[in-house]
């Protein structure tokens, strides 16, 4: 359960830091998210949609005992949050 909670916390941190750096004029690097932001009137809604889907996939991975996948996803999103924090600091 802890691995799933870490994933959820990282999703929240990624969402929050992405919104902050978008407000500072830094562009979104993920092409899927960038496309959703362009077609959406509200970048926060586009990001929230992506995060809801990611959390659903993580829940499925957790329920099917794919903890190795979740550990890798947690590492990836921890790096994303770190990248976002650097982008905010530089902007």
PDB file of N, CA and C in Angstrom:
ATOM      1  N   UNK A   1       0.827  -1.203   0.000  1.00  0.00           N
ATOM      2  CA  UNK A   1       0.000   0.000   0.000  1.00  0.00           C
ATOM      3  C   UNK A   1       0.862   1.254   0.000  1.00  0.00           C
ATOM      4  N   UNK A   2       2.003   1.210   0.697  1.00  0.00           N
ATOM      5  CA  UNK A   2       2.871   2.387   0.792  1.00  0.00           C
ATOM      6  C   UNK A   2       3.365   2.821  -0.579  1.00  0.00           C
ATOM      7  N   UNK A   3       3.672   1.862  -1.440  1.00  0.00           N
ATOM      8  CA  UNK A   3       4.189   2.201  -2.767  1.00  0.00           C
ATOM      9  C   UNK A   3       3.138   2.964  -3.584  1.00  0.00           C
ATOM     10  N   UNK A   4       1.883   2.605  -3.409  1.00  0.00           N
ATOM     11  CA  UNK A   4       0.803   3.312  -4.099  1.00  0.00           C
ATOM     12  C   UNK A   4       0.620   4.714  -3.514  1.00  0.00           C
ATOM     13  N   UNK A   5       0.717   4.836  -2.205  1.00  0.00           N
ATOM     14  CA  UNK A   5       0.599   6.157  -1.573  1.00  0.00           C
ATOM     15  C   UNK A   5       1.734   7.086  -1.994  1.00  0.00           C
ATOM     16  N   UNK A   6       2.929   6.532  -2.127  1.00  0.00           N
ATOM     17  CA  UNK A   6       4.052   7.338  -2.618  1.00  0.00           C
ATOM     18  C   UNK A   6       3.759   7.809  -4.032  1.00  0.00           C
ATOM     19  N   UNK A   7       3.227   6.923  -4.867  1.00  0.00           N
ATOM     20  CA  UNK A   7       2.877   7.303  -6.233  1.00  0.00           C
ATOM     21  C   UNK A   7       1.865   8.448  -6.234  1.00  0.00           C
ATOM     22  N   UNK A   8       0.842   8.329  -5.409  1.00  0.00           N
ATOM     23  CA  UNK A   8      -0.188   9.372  -5.348  1.00  0.00           C
ATOM     24  C   UNK A   8       0.400  10.700  -4.870  1.00  0.00           C
ATOM     25  N   UNK A   9       1.276  10.649  -3.874  1.00  0.00           N
ATOM     26  CA  UNK A   9       1.920  11.871  -3.379  1.00  0.00           C
ATOM     27  C   UNK A   9       2.784  12.505  -4.460  1.00  0.00           C
ATOM     28  N   UNK A  10       3.506  11.674  -5.203  1.00  0.00           N
ATOM     29  CA  UNK A  10       4.336  12.204  -6.283  1.00  0.00           C
ATOM     30  C   UNK A  10       3.489  12.811  -7.396  1.00  0.00           C
ATOM     31  N   UNK A  11       2.324  12.231  -7.649  1.00  0.00           N
ATOM     32  CA  UNK A  11       1.430  12.812  -8.659  1.00  0.00           C
ATOM     33  C   UNK A  11       0.953  14.189  -8.224  1.00  0.00           C
ATOM     34  N   UNK A  12       0.622  14.314  -6.955  1.00  0.00           N
ATOM     35  CA  UNK A  12       0.200  15.619  -6.439  1.00  0.00           C
ATOM     36  C   UNK A  12       1.340  16.632  -6.545  1.00  0.00           C
ATOM     37  N   UNK A  13       2.547  16.218  -6.150  1.00  0.00           N
ATOM     38  CA  UNK A  13       3.703  17.121  -6.230  1.00  0.00           C
ATOM     39  C   UNK A  13       4.006  17.499  -7.672  1.00  0.00           C
ATOM     40  N   UNK A  14       3.888  16.549  -8.587  1.00  0.00           N
ATOM     41  CA  UNK A  14       4.130  16.845  -9.999  1.00  0.00           C
ATOM     42  C   UNK A  14       3.083  17.815 -10.522  1.00  0.00           C
ATOM     43  N   UNK A  15       1.843  17.603 -10.158  1.00  0.00           N
ATOM     44  CA  UNK A  15       0.770  18.504 -10.573  1.00  0.00           C
ATOM     45  C   UNK A  15       1.033  19.916 -10.057  1.00  0.00           C
ATOM     46  N   UNK A  16       1.337  20.040  -8.783  1.00  0.00           N
ATOM     47  CA  UNK A  16       1.549  21.355  -8.175  1.00  0.00           C
ATOM     48  C   UNK A  16       2.756  22.065  -8.782  1.00  0.00           C
ATOM     49  N   UNK A  17       3.876  21.358  -8.913  1.00  0.00           N
ATOM     50  CA  UNK A  17       5.069  22.009  -9.449  1.00  0.00           C
ATOM     51  C   UNK A  17       4.910  22.337 -10.929  1.00  0.00           C
ATOM     52  N   UNK A  18       4.193  21.511 -11.667  1.00  0.00           N
ATOM     53  CA  UNK A  18       3.946  21.807 -13.081  1.00  0.00           C
ATOM     54  C   UNK A  18       3.098  23.064 -13.219  1.00  0.00           C
ATOM     55  N   UNK A  19       2.080  23.203 -12.402  1.00  0.00           N
ATOM     56  CA  UNK A  19       1.247  24.414 -12.461  1.00  0.00           C
ATOM     57  C   UNK A  19       2.068  25.657 -12.139  1.00  0.00           C
ATOM     58  N   UNK A  20       2.958  25.547 -11.160  1.00  0.00           N
ATOM     59  CA  UNK A  20       3.790  26.694 -10.794  1.00  0.00           C
ATOM     60  C   UNK A  20       4.725  27.062 -11.940  1.00  0.00           C
ATOM     61  N   UNK A  21       5.396  26.076 -12.540  1.00  0.00           N
ATOM     62  CA  UNK A  21       6.328  26.457 -13.593  1.00  0.00           C
ATOM     63  C   UNK A  21       5.612  26.909 -14.852  1.00  0.00           C
ATOM     64  N   UNK A  22       4.402  26.443 -15.094  1.00  0.00           N
ATOM     65  CA  UNK A  22       3.633  26.972 -16.227  1.00  0.00           C
ATOM     66  C   UNK A  22       3.298  28.443 -16.001  1.00  0.00           C
ATOM     67  N   UNK A  23       3.009  28.811 -14.764  1.00  0.00           N
ATOM     68  CA  UNK A  23       2.743  30.215 -14.439  1.00  0.00           C
ATOM     69  C   UNK A  23       3.973  31.091 -14.622  1.00  0.00           C
ATOM     70  N   UNK A  24       5.166  30.476 -14.520  1.00  0.00           N
ATOM     71  CA  UNK A  24       6.415  31.208 -14.716  1.00  0.00           C
ATOM     72  C   UNK A  24       6.834  31.227 -16.191  1.00  0.00           C
ATOM     73  N   UNK A  25       6.010  30.683 -17.062  1.00  0.00           N
ATOM     74  CA  UNK A  25       6.307  30.723 -18.487  1.00  0.00           C
ATOM     75  C   UNK A  25       7.156  29.590 -19.013  1.00  0.00           C
ATOM     76  N   UNK A  26       7.425  28.581 -18.193  1.00  0.00           N
ATOM     77  CA  UNK A  26       8.185  27.419 -18.646  1.00  0.00           C
ATOM     78  C   UNK A  26       7.231  26.494 -19.387  1.00  0.00           C
ATOM     79  N   UNK A  27       7.646  25.983 -20.538  1.00  0.00           N
ATOM     80  CA  UNK A  27       6.789  25.108 -21.338  1.00  0.00           C
ATOM     81  C   UNK A  27       6.788  23.680 -20.834  1.00  0.00           C
ATOM     82  N   UNK A  28       5.706  22.987 -21.099  1.00  0.00           N
ATOM     83  CA  UNK A  28       5.563  21.574 -20.722  1.00  0.00           C
ATOM     84  C   UNK A  28       6.359  20.724 -21.709  1.00  0.00           C
ATOM     85  N   UNK A  29       7.184  19.806 -21.203  1.00  0.00           N
ATOM     86  CA  UNK A  29       8.035  18.964 -22.043  1.00  0.00           C
ATOM     87  C   UNK A  29       7.317  17.717 -22.556  1.00  0.00           C
ATOM     88  N   UNK A  30       6.335  17.223 -21.817  1.00  0.00           N
ATOM     89  CA  UNK A  30       5.608  16.021 -22.234  1.00  0.00           C
ATOM     90  C   UNK A  30       4.687  16.388 -23.392  1.00  0.00           C
ATOM     91  N   UNK A  31       4.876  15.779 -24.574  1.00  0.00           N
ATOM     92  CA  UNK A  31       4.072  16.157 -25.738  1.00  0.00           C
ATOM     93  C   UNK A  31       2.566  15.923 -25.555  1.00  0.00           C
ATOM     94  N   UNK A  32       2.197  14.844 -24.872  1.00  0.00           N
ATOM     95  CA  UNK A  32       0.781  14.565 -24.638  1.00  0.00           C
ATOM     96  C   UNK A  32       0.163  15.645 -23.757  1.00  0.00           C
ATOM     97  N   UNK A  33       0.820  15.959 -22.676  1.00  0.00           N
ATOM     98  CA  UNK A  33       0.310  16.979 -21.756  1.00  0.00           C
ATOM     99  C   UNK A  33       0.309  18.345 -22.431  1.00  0.00           C
ATOM    100  N   UNK A  34       1.363  18.645 -23.182  1.00  0.00           N
ATOM    101  CA  UNK A  34       1.435  19.933 -23.887  1.00  0.00           C
ATOM    102  C   UNK A  34       0.283  20.076 -24.873  1.00  0.00           C
ATOM    103  N   UNK A  35      -0.049  18.994 -25.583  1.00  0.00           N
ATOM    104  CA  UNK A  35      -1.168  19.038 -26.530  1.00  0.00           C
ATOM    105  C   UNK A  35      -2.492  19.245 -25.801  1.00  0.00           C
ATOM    106  N   UNK A  36      -2.678  18.557 -24.684  1.00  0.00           N
ATOM    107  CA  UNK A  36      -3.906  18.732 -23.910  1.00  0.00           C
ATOM    108  C   UNK A  36      -4.024  20.153 -23.359  1.00  0.00           C
ATOM    109  N   UNK A  37      -2.906  20.718 -22.947  1.00  0.00           N
ATOM    110  CA  UNK A  37      -2.922  22.086 -22.433  1.00  0.00           C
ATOM    111  C   UNK A  37      -3.306  23.066 -23.536  1.00  0.00           C
ATOM    112  N   UNK A  38      -2.785  22.831 -24.750  1.00  0.00           N
ATOM    113  CA  UNK A  38      -3.101  23.726 -25.872  1.00  0.00           C
ATOM    114  C   UNK A  38      -4.586  23.717 -26.227  1.00  0.00           C
ATOM    115  N   UNK A  39      -5.235  22.557 -26.141  1.00  0.00           N
ATOM    116  CA  UNK A  39      -6.649  22.472 -26.532  1.00  0.00           C
ATOM    117  C   UNK A  39      -7.597  22.762 -25.370  1.00  0.00           C
ATOM    118  N   UNK A  40      -7.055  22.831 -24.167  1.00  0.00           N
ATOM    119  CA  UNK A  40      -7.889  23.073 -22.995  1.00  0.00           C
ATOM    120  C   UNK A  40      -7.883  24.556 -22.646  1.00  0.00           C
ATOM    121  N   UNK A  41      -9.011  25.027 -22.172  1.00  0.00           N
ATOM    122  CA  UNK A  41      -9.092  26.412 -21.707  1.00  0.00           C
ATOM    123  C   UNK A  41      -8.377  26.568 -20.368  1.00  0.00           C
ATOM    124  N   UNK A  42      -8.288  25.490 -19.615  1.00  0.00           N
ATOM    125  CA  UNK A  42      -7.670  25.505 -18.290  1.00  0.00           C
ATOM    126  C   UNK A  42      -6.543  24.472 -18.228  1.00  0.00           C
ATOM    127  N   UNK A  43      -5.279  24.918 -18.163  1.00  0.00           N
ATOM    128  CA  UNK A  43      -4.173  23.953 -18.051  1.00  0.00           C
ATOM    129  C   UNK A  43      -4.314  23.028 -16.847  1.00  0.00           C
ATOM    130  N   UNK A  44      -4.863  23.525 -15.751  1.00  0.00           N
ATOM    131  CA  UNK A  44      -5.018  22.693 -14.551  1.00  0.00           C
ATOM    132  C   UNK A  44      -5.939  21.502 -14.825  1.00  0.00           C
ATOM    133  N   UNK A  45      -6.989  21.708 -15.612  1.00  0.00           N
ATOM    134  CA  UNK A  45      -7.894  20.597 -15.937  1.00  0.00           C
ATOM    135  C   UNK A  45      -7.211  19.557 -16.809  1.00  0.00           C
ATOM    136  N   UNK A  46      -6.410  20.017 -17.760  1.00  0.00           N
ATOM    137  CA  UNK A  46      -5.675  19.086 -18.616  1.00  0.00           C
ATOM    138  C   UNK A  46      -4.710  18.251 -17.778  1.00  0.00           C
ATOM    139  N   UNK A  47      -3.982  18.910 -16.901  1.00  0.00           N
ATOM    140  CA  UNK A  47      -3.050  18.187 -16.029  1.00  0.00           C
ATOM    141  C   UNK A  47      -3.777  17.230 -15.101  1.00  0.00           C
ATOM    142  N   UNK A  48      -4.898  17.682 -14.562  1.00  0.00           N
ATOM    143  CA  UNK A  48      -5.670  16.835 -13.655  1.00  0.00           C
ATOM    144  C   UNK A  48      -6.181  15.586 -14.377  1.00  0.00           C
ATOM    145  N   UNK A  49      -6.601  15.731 -15.615  1.00  0.00           N
ATOM    146  CA  UNK A  49      -7.059  14.583 -16.400  1.00  0.00           C
ATOM    147  C   UNK A  49      -5.940  13.556 -16.555  1.00  0.00           C
ATOM    148  N   UNK A  50      -4.755  14.031 -16.898  1.00  0.00           N
ATOM    149  CA  UNK A  50      -3.613  13.130 -17.060  1.00  0.00           C
ATOM    150  C   UNK A  50      -3.284  12.445 -15.738  1.00  0.00           C
ATOM    151  N   UNK A  51      -3.354  13.183 -14.633  1.00  0.00           N
ATOM    152  CA  UNK A  51      -3.031  12.618 -13.325  1.00  0.00           C
ATOM    153  C   UNK A  51      -4.076  11.586 -12.879  1.00  0.00           C
ATOM    154  N   UNK A  52      -5.323  11.828 -13.186  1.00  0.00           N
ATOM    155  CA  UNK A  52      -6.381  10.865 -12.844  1.00  0.00           C
ATOM    156  C   UNK A  52      -6.153   9.557 -13.603  1.00  0.00           C
ATOM    157  N   UNK A  53      -5.819   9.659 -14.877  1.00  0.00           N
ATOM    158  CA  UNK A  53      -5.542   8.458 -15.667  1.00  0.00           C
ATOM    159  C   UNK A  53      -4.323   7.729 -15.103  1.00  0.00           C
ATOM    160  N   UNK A  54      -3.266   8.483 -14.778  1.00  0.00           N
ATOM    161  CA  UNK A  54      -2.053   7.873 -14.214  1.00  0.00           C
ATOM    162  C   UNK A  54      -2.352   7.166 -12.892  1.00  0.00           C
ATOM    163  N   UNK A  55      -3.168   7.787 -12.053  1.00  0.00           N
ATOM    164  CA  UNK A  55      -3.517   7.169 -10.769  1.00  0.00           C
ATOM    165  C   UNK A  55      -4.352   5.907 -10.969  1.00  0.00           C
ATOM    166  N   UNK A  56      -5.220   5.920 -11.963  1.00  0.00           N
ATOM    167  CA  UNK A  56      -5.991   4.719 -12.286  1.00  0.00           C
ATOM    168  C   UNK A  56      -5.091   3.582 -12.741  1.00  0.00           C
ATOM    169  N   UNK A  57      -4.120   3.900 -13.580  1.00  0.00           N
ATOM    170  CA  UNK A  57      -3.174   2.876 -14.029  1.00  0.00           C
ATOM    171  C   UNK A  57      -2.312   2.376 -12.873  1.00  0.00           C
ATOM    172  N   UNK A  58      -1.925   3.273 -11.989  1.00  0.00           N
ATOM    173  CA  UNK A  58      -1.134   2.865 -10.821  1.00  0.00           C
ATOM    174  C   UNK A  58      -1.949   1.963  -9.904  1.00  0.00           C
ATOM    175  N   UNK A  59      -3.203   2.307  -9.704  1.00  0.00           N
ATOM    176  CA  UNK A  59      -4.070   1.459  -8.870  1.00  0.00           C
ATOM    177  C   UNK A  59      -4.169   0.055  -9.480  1.00  0.00           C
ATOM    178  N   UNK A  60      -4.342  -0.006 -10.809  1.00  0.00           N
ATOM    179  CA  UNK A  60      -4.413  -1.300 -11.486  1.00  0.00           C
ATOM    180  C   UNK A  60      -3.099  -2.076 -11.309  1.00  0.00           C
ATOM    181  N   UNK A  61      -1.969  -1.384 -11.469  1.00  0.00           N
ATOM    182  CA  UNK A  61      -0.668  -2.038 -11.293  1.00  0.00           C
ATOM    183  C   UNK A  61      -0.516  -2.556  -9.863  1.00  0.00           C
ATOM    184  N   UNK A  62      -0.965  -1.769  -8.897  1.00  0.00           N
ATOM    185  CA  UNK A  62      -0.880  -2.193  -7.501  1.00  0.00           C
ATOM    186  C   UNK A  62      -1.776  -3.406  -7.241  1.00  0.00           C
ATOM    187  N   UNK A  63      -2.994  -3.361  -7.758  1.00  0.00           N
ATOM    188  CA  UNK A  63      -3.941  -4.478  -7.544  1.00  0.00           C
ATOM    189  C   UNK A  63      -3.448  -5.770  -8.184  1.00  0.00           C
ATOM    190  N   UNK A  64      -2.692  -5.642  -9.291  1.00  0.00           N
ATOM    191  CA  UNK A  64      -2.184  -6.835  -9.974  1.00  0.00           C
ATOM    192  C   UNK A  64      -0.745  -7.154  -9.554  1.00  0.00           C
ATOM    193  N   UNK A  65      -0.311  -6.539  -8.465  1.00  0.00           N
ATOM    194  CA  UNK A  65       0.984  -6.809  -7.843  1.00  0.00           C
ATOM    195  C   UNK A  65       2.188  -6.500  -8.743  1.00  0.00           C
ATOM    196  N   UNK A  66       2.068  -5.471  -9.525  1.00  0.00           N
ATOM    197  CA  UNK A  66       3.192  -5.033 -10.370  1.00  0.00           C
ATOM    198  C   UNK A  66       3.982  -3.946  -9.628  1.00  0.00           C
ATOM    199  N   UNK A  67       4.528  -4.335  -8.491  1.00  0.00           N
ATOM    200  CA  UNK A  67       5.227  -3.369  -7.637  1.00  0.00           C
ATOM    201  C   UNK A  67       6.528  -2.886  -8.267  1.00  0.00           C
ATOM    202  N   UNK A  68       7.165  -3.722  -9.048  1.00  0.00           N
ATOM    203  CA  UNK A  68       8.392  -3.285  -9.727  1.00  0.00           C
ATOM    204  C   UNK A  68       8.087  -2.125 -10.679  1.00  0.00           C
ATOM    205  N   UNK A  69       6.991  -2.232 -11.380  1.00  0.00           N
ATOM    206  CA  UNK A  69       6.568  -1.151 -12.274  1.00  0.00           C
ATOM    207  C   UNK A  69       6.280   0.122 -11.482  1.00  0.00           C
ATOM    208  N   UNK A  70       5.604  -0.016 -10.361  1.00  0.00           N
ATOM    209  CA  UNK A  70       5.296   1.148  -9.530  1.00  0.00           C
ATOM    210  C   UNK A  70       6.569   1.775  -8.950  1.00  0.00           C
ATOM    211  N   UNK A  71       7.535   0.957  -8.555  1.00  0.00           N
ATOM    212  CA  UNK A  71       8.795   1.500  -8.053  1.00  0.00           C
ATOM    213  C   UNK A  71       9.494   2.318  -9.126  1.00  0.00           C
ATOM    214  N   UNK A  72       9.492   1.816 -10.340  1.00  0.00           N
ATOM    215  CA  UNK A  72      10.113   2.547 -11.452  1.00  0.00           C
ATOM    216  C   UNK A  72       9.345   3.832 -11.753  1.00  0.00           C
ATOM    217  N   UNK A  73       8.036   3.760 -11.716  1.00  0.00           N
ATOM    218  CA  UNK A  73       7.221   4.959 -11.945  1.00  0.00           C
ATOM    219  C   UNK A  73       7.482   5.985 -10.849  1.00  0.00           C
ATOM    220  N   UNK A  74       7.617   5.535  -9.602  1.00  0.00           N
ATOM    221  CA  UNK A  74       7.909   6.447  -8.500  1.00  0.00           C
ATOM    222  C   UNK A  74       9.256   7.132  -8.700  1.00  0.00           C
ATOM    223  N   UNK A  75      10.246   6.387  -9.139  1.00  0.00           N
ATOM    224  CA  UNK A  75      11.552   6.975  -9.408  1.00  0.00           C
ATOM    225  C   UNK A  75      11.444   8.015 -10.529  1.00  0.00           C
ATOM    226  N   UNK A  76      10.736   7.665 -11.585  1.00  0.00           N
ATOM    227  CA  UNK A  76      10.559   8.584 -12.707  1.00  0.00           C
ATOM    228  C   UNK A  76       9.872   9.876 -12.262  1.00  0.00           C
ATOM    229  N   UNK A  77       8.795   9.757 -11.509  1.00  0.00           N
ATOM    230  CA  UNK A  77       8.069  10.958 -11.092  1.00  0.00           C
ATOM    231  C   UNK A  77       8.824  11.753 -10.035  1.00  0.00           C
ATOM    232  N   UNK A  78       9.644  11.097  -9.227  1.00  0.00           N
ATOM    233  CA  UNK A  78      10.497  11.840  -8.300  1.00  0.00           C
ATOM    234  C   UNK A  78      11.487  12.696  -9.094  1.00  0.00           C
ATOM    235  N   UNK A  79      12.027  12.133 -10.173  1.00  0.00           N
ATOM    236  CA  UNK A  79      12.919  12.902 -11.044  1.00  0.00           C
ATOM    237  C   UNK A  79      12.165  14.041 -11.728  1.00  0.00           C
ATOM    238  N   UNK A  80      10.932  13.791 -12.139  1.00  0.00           N
ATOM    239  CA  UNK A  80      10.120  14.849 -12.758  1.00  0.00           C
ATOM    240  C   UNK A  80       9.874  16.002 -11.792  1.00  0.00           C
ATOM    241  N   UNK A  81       9.555  15.685 -10.565  1.00  0.00           N
ATOM    242  CA  UNK A  81       9.324  16.727  -9.558  1.00  0.00           C
ATOM    243  C   UNK A  81      10.612  17.512  -9.331  1.00  0.00           C
ATOM    244  N   UNK A  82      11.737  16.823  -9.258  1.00  0.00           N
ATOM    245  CA  UNK A  82      13.019  17.499  -9.115  1.00  0.00           C
ATOM    246  C   UNK A  82      13.311  18.417 -10.294  1.00  0.00           C
ATOM    247  N   UNK A  83      13.022  17.931 -11.487  1.00  0.00           N
ATOM    248  CA  UNK A  83      13.193  18.741 -12.705  1.00  0.00           C
ATOM    249  C   UNK A  83      12.296  19.983 -12.643  1.00  0.00           C
ATOM    250  N   UNK A  84      11.061  19.785 -12.247  1.00  0.00           N
ATOM    251  CA  UNK A  84      10.134  20.920 -12.136  1.00  0.00           C
ATOM    252  C   UNK A  84      10.641  21.949 -11.137  1.00  0.00           C
ATOM    253  N   UNK A  85      11.160  21.481 -10.003  1.00  0.00           N
ATOM    254  CA  UNK A  85      11.681  22.412  -9.000  1.00  0.00           C
ATOM    255  C   UNK A  85      12.878  23.188  -9.537  1.00  0.00           C
ATOM    256  N   UNK A  86      13.735  22.511 -10.323  1.00  0.00           N
ATOM    257  CA  UNK A  86      14.851  23.225 -10.948  1.00  0.00           C
ATOM    258  C   UNK A  86      14.349  24.271 -11.945  1.00  0.00           C
ATOM    259  N   UNK A  87      13.355  23.901 -12.728  1.00  0.00           N
ATOM    260  CA  UNK A  87      12.788  24.841 -13.705  1.00  0.00           C
ATOM    261  C   UNK A  87      12.192  26.056 -13.016  1.00  0.00           C
ATOM    262  N   UNK A  88      11.556  25.827 -11.885  1.00  0.00           N
ATOM    263  CA  UNK A  88      10.967  26.950 -11.120  1.00  0.00           C
ATOM    264  C   UNK A  88      12.090  27.835 -10.584  1.00  0.00           C
ATOM    265  N   UNK A  89      13.137  27.235 -10.062  1.00  0.00           N
ATOM    266  CA  UNK A  89      14.239  28.008  -9.486  1.00  0.00           C
ATOM    267  C   UNK A  89      14.950  28.840 -10.550  1.00  0.00           C
ATOM    268  N   UNK A  90      15.067  28.304 -11.749  1.00  0.00           N
ATOM    269  CA  UNK A  90      15.758  29.015 -12.825  1.00  0.00           C
ATOM    270  C   UNK A  90      14.888  30.116 -13.420  1.00  0.00           C
ATOM    271  N   UNK A  91      13.580  29.880 -13.473  1.00  0.00           N
ATOM    272  CA  UNK A  91      12.670  30.831 -14.140  1.00  0.00           C
ATOM    273  C   UNK A  91      12.498  32.125 -13.386  1.00  0.00           C
TER     274      UNK A  91
END
